[in-house]
Protein backbone atom coordinates (compact mmCIF):
# COMPACT_ATOMS: atom_id res chain seq x y z
CA MET A 1 2.40 -34.39 -14.73
CA ILE A 2 1.90 -30.56 -14.02
CA THR A 3 3.92 -29.32 -11.64
CA ARG A 4 2.30 -26.96 -8.75
CA GLN A 5 3.92 -23.83 -10.47
CA GLU A 6 2.46 -24.86 -13.85
CA LEU A 7 -0.59 -24.89 -12.41
CA LEU A 8 -0.55 -21.56 -10.54
CA PHE A 9 0.76 -20.01 -13.59
CA LEU A 10 -1.91 -21.68 -15.76
CA PHE A 11 -5.23 -20.67 -13.25
CA LEU A 12 -3.43 -16.87 -12.80
CA GLU A 13 -2.67 -16.61 -16.49
CA ASN A 14 -6.55 -17.62 -17.20
CA ILE A 15 -7.88 -15.14 -14.30
CA GLY A 16 -5.58 -12.64 -16.15
CA ILE A 17 -2.90 -11.67 -13.47
CA SER A 18 0.78 -11.45 -14.74
CA PHE A 19 3.76 -12.92 -13.42
CA LYS A 20 5.90 -10.25 -14.95
CA ASP A 21 6.49 -7.87 -12.29
CA VAL A 22 6.30 -9.86 -9.55
CA SER A 23 10.03 -8.92 -7.89
CA LYS A 24 9.10 -5.40 -8.27
CA ASP A 25 5.49 -5.03 -7.60
CA PHE A 26 4.13 -5.87 -4.05
CA LEU A 27 0.84 -5.13 -5.29
CA VAL A 28 1.11 -7.93 -7.63
CA ARG A 29 2.20 -10.43 -5.05
CA LYS A 30 -0.51 -9.54 -2.69
CA SER A 31 -3.09 -10.06 -5.42
CA ILE A 32 -1.57 -13.45 -6.26
CA GLN A 33 -1.82 -14.41 -2.70
CA LYS A 34 -5.48 -13.41 -2.13
CA VAL A 35 -6.76 -14.91 -5.61
CA SER A 36 -4.83 -18.14 -5.17
CA TYR A 37 -6.40 -18.29 -1.51
CA LEU A 38 -9.95 -17.30 -2.61
CA MET A 39 -9.83 -20.06 -5.75
CA GLN A 40 -8.84 -22.73 -3.17
CA SER A 41 -11.38 -21.90 -0.58
CA ILE A 42 -14.19 -20.87 -2.30
CA PHE A 43 -14.21 -22.57 -5.68
CA GLN A 44 -12.36 -25.78 -4.33
CA VAL A 45 -9.37 -25.56 -6.77
CA ASN A 46 -6.68 -27.07 -5.19
CA LEU A 47 -3.62 -25.45 -6.21
CA GLY A 48 -1.52 -27.03 -3.44
CA TYR A 49 -0.99 -24.19 -0.67
CA GLN A 50 -1.47 -23.99 2.72
CA PHE A 51 -2.07 -20.47 4.18
CA GLY A 52 -1.96 -18.81 7.52
CA LEU A 53 -3.26 -15.07 8.33
CA TYR A 54 -0.57 -12.57 8.09
CA ILE A 55 -0.44 -8.58 7.94
CA TYR A 56 -2.00 -8.46 4.42
CA GLY A 57 -4.48 -11.37 5.08
CA PRO A 58 -4.26 -14.93 3.97
CA TYR A 59 -0.66 -15.81 3.01
CA SER A 60 1.53 -18.72 1.93
CA PRO A 61 5.36 -18.53 2.10
CA THR A 62 5.27 -21.67 -0.45
CA LEU A 63 3.02 -19.67 -2.73
CA ALA A 64 5.33 -16.60 -2.54
CA GLY A 65 8.36 -18.78 -3.22
CA ASP A 66 6.94 -20.28 -6.58
CA ALA A 67 5.78 -16.66 -7.62
CA PHE A 68 8.91 -15.87 -7.37
CA GLU A 69 10.35 -19.07 -9.22
CA ILE A 70 7.72 -18.21 -12.11
CA CYS A 71 8.92 -14.48 -12.29
CA GLU A 72 12.43 -15.52 -12.41
CA ASN A 73 12.00 -18.26 -15.09
CA ILE A 74 9.29 -16.95 -16.87
CA ALA A 75 10.11 -18.35 -20.38
CA LYS A 76 10.36 -21.87 -18.92
CA TYR A 77 6.30 -21.23 -17.86
CA LYS A 78 5.27 -19.38 -21.12
CA ASP A 79 4.50 -22.40 -22.83
CA THR A 80 2.20 -23.94 -20.38
CA PRO A 81 -0.98 -23.12 -21.56
CA LYS A 82 -0.07 -24.97 -24.89
CA ARG A 83 0.97 -27.86 -22.87
CA TYR A 84 -2.17 -27.94 -20.42
CA VAL A 85 -5.57 -26.70 -20.55
CA LEU A 86 -8.13 -26.16 -17.79
CA ASN A 87 -10.84 -28.52 -17.74
CA ASP A 88 -14.42 -27.14 -18.02
CA GLU A 89 -14.99 -27.36 -13.92
CA ALA A 90 -11.84 -25.17 -13.71
CA LYS A 91 -12.57 -22.78 -16.45
CA LYS A 92 -16.27 -22.44 -14.55
CA ALA A 93 -14.23 -21.74 -11.43
CA VAL A 94 -12.28 -19.02 -13.08
CA GLU A 95 -15.15 -17.45 -14.82
CA GLU A 96 -17.25 -17.50 -11.33
CA PHE A 97 -14.50 -15.85 -9.51
CA LYS A 98 -14.52 -13.12 -12.21
CA LYS A 99 -18.13 -12.52 -11.73
CA LEU A 100 -18.21 -12.67 -8.00
CA MET A 101 -15.09 -10.41 -7.44
CA PRO A 102 -14.74 -8.19 -10.41
CA PHE A 103 -12.57 -6.03 -8.54
CA TYR A 104 -9.63 -8.81 -7.96
CA LYS A 105 -7.03 -6.44 -9.95
CA ASN A 106 -8.01 -3.27 -8.14
CA LYS A 107 -5.46 -2.06 -5.82
CA ASN A 108 -7.97 -0.43 -3.18
CA GLY A 109 -8.06 -3.26 -0.91
CA GLU A 110 -11.05 -5.11 -1.98
CA ILE A 111 -9.48 -8.30 -2.54
CA GLU A 112 -7.44 -8.15 0.61
CA THR A 113 -10.53 -7.65 2.74
CA CYS A 114 -12.49 -10.52 1.01
CA ALA A 115 -9.72 -12.72 1.22
CA THR A 116 -9.18 -11.67 4.92
CA ILE A 117 -12.82 -11.92 5.88
CA HIS A 118 -13.30 -15.36 4.52
CA PHE A 119 -9.93 -16.73 6.52
CA LEU A 120 -11.35 -15.23 9.64
CA TYR A 121 -14.71 -16.93 9.02
CA SER A 122 -13.49 -20.26 7.82
CA GLU A 123 -10.48 -20.57 9.74
CA THR A 124 -9.72 -18.34 13.05
CA PHE A 125 -13.43 -18.19 14.01
CA ARG A 126 -14.24 -21.40 12.58
CA GLY A 127 -15.85 -23.07 15.69
CA LEU A 128 -17.83 -19.92 16.78
CA ALA A 129 -21.64 -20.59 16.69
CA GLU A 130 -22.73 -17.38 18.68
CA LYS A 131 -22.40 -13.58 17.21
CA LYS A 132 -19.92 -14.73 14.41
CA ASP A 133 -20.76 -12.05 12.31
CA GLU A 134 -20.10 -9.37 15.22
CA THR A 135 -16.95 -10.94 16.21
CA VAL A 136 -15.56 -11.17 12.87
CA LYS A 137 -16.39 -7.67 12.22
CA SER A 138 -14.62 -6.28 15.25
CA TYR A 139 -11.53 -8.39 14.93
CA PHE A 140 -11.32 -7.34 11.24
CA GLN A 141 -11.95 -3.44 12.16
CA LYS A 142 -9.42 -3.61 14.69
CA MET A 143 -6.68 -5.43 12.29
CA LYS A 144 -7.27 -3.44 9.11
CA PRO A 145 -9.16 -0.30 10.12
CA HIS A 146 -7.80 1.02 6.74
CA LEU A 147 -10.14 -1.59 4.73
CA SER A 148 -13.24 -1.12 6.99
CA GLN A 149 -14.95 0.85 4.15
CA TYR A 150 -15.05 -2.30 1.80
CA TYR A 151 -16.19 -4.79 4.77
CA ASP A 152 -19.97 -4.90 4.22
CA ALA A 153 -19.71 -5.22 0.58
CA CYS A 154 -17.06 -8.21 0.60
CA LEU A 155 -19.27 -9.74 3.16
CA ASP A 156 -22.23 -9.77 0.89
CA ILE A 157 -20.43 -11.13 -1.65
CA LEU A 158 -18.98 -13.75 0.59
CA LYS A 159 -22.18 -14.55 1.98
CA LYS A 160 -23.44 -15.73 -1.62
CA THR A 161 -21.03 -18.49 -1.58
CA PRO A 162 -21.37 -21.73 0.03
CA SER A 163 -18.02 -21.23 2.08
CA ILE A 164 -19.27 -19.11 4.44
CA GLY A 165 -22.83 -18.19 3.25
């Protein structure tokens, strides 16, 4: 049976995110967190992680531990794609993710913006019926003013998904 770490490795390897720099590169760690959150929440890929909202958006301490474990024991995980393959539904989710968010590897904040907006809509303000768009935007701008330039474009992308659309 595939472990949670092997599944994480397999998905992110198929997406194109490398674990080799996890221990040295904060932006790689942040990207792993945001991509994993979005794969679970938008594309219903159960990677087995629970997320809370932290400074840089959705964050899972368990995922952080698993990412470091994979990085420290990379040789153990390198043969995962030889032993396991993504099924057609998972492959489709990976391709849809790449199409929807082609900027996921960029280091300029778009993936953090998308993940944070999604979390605010689906978790923080889930029960809010009136003025949700305005409430989320106002909260986001206070929380992350340095990423406000990406807000509208990311919201447009997220509105195309069934998760907040």
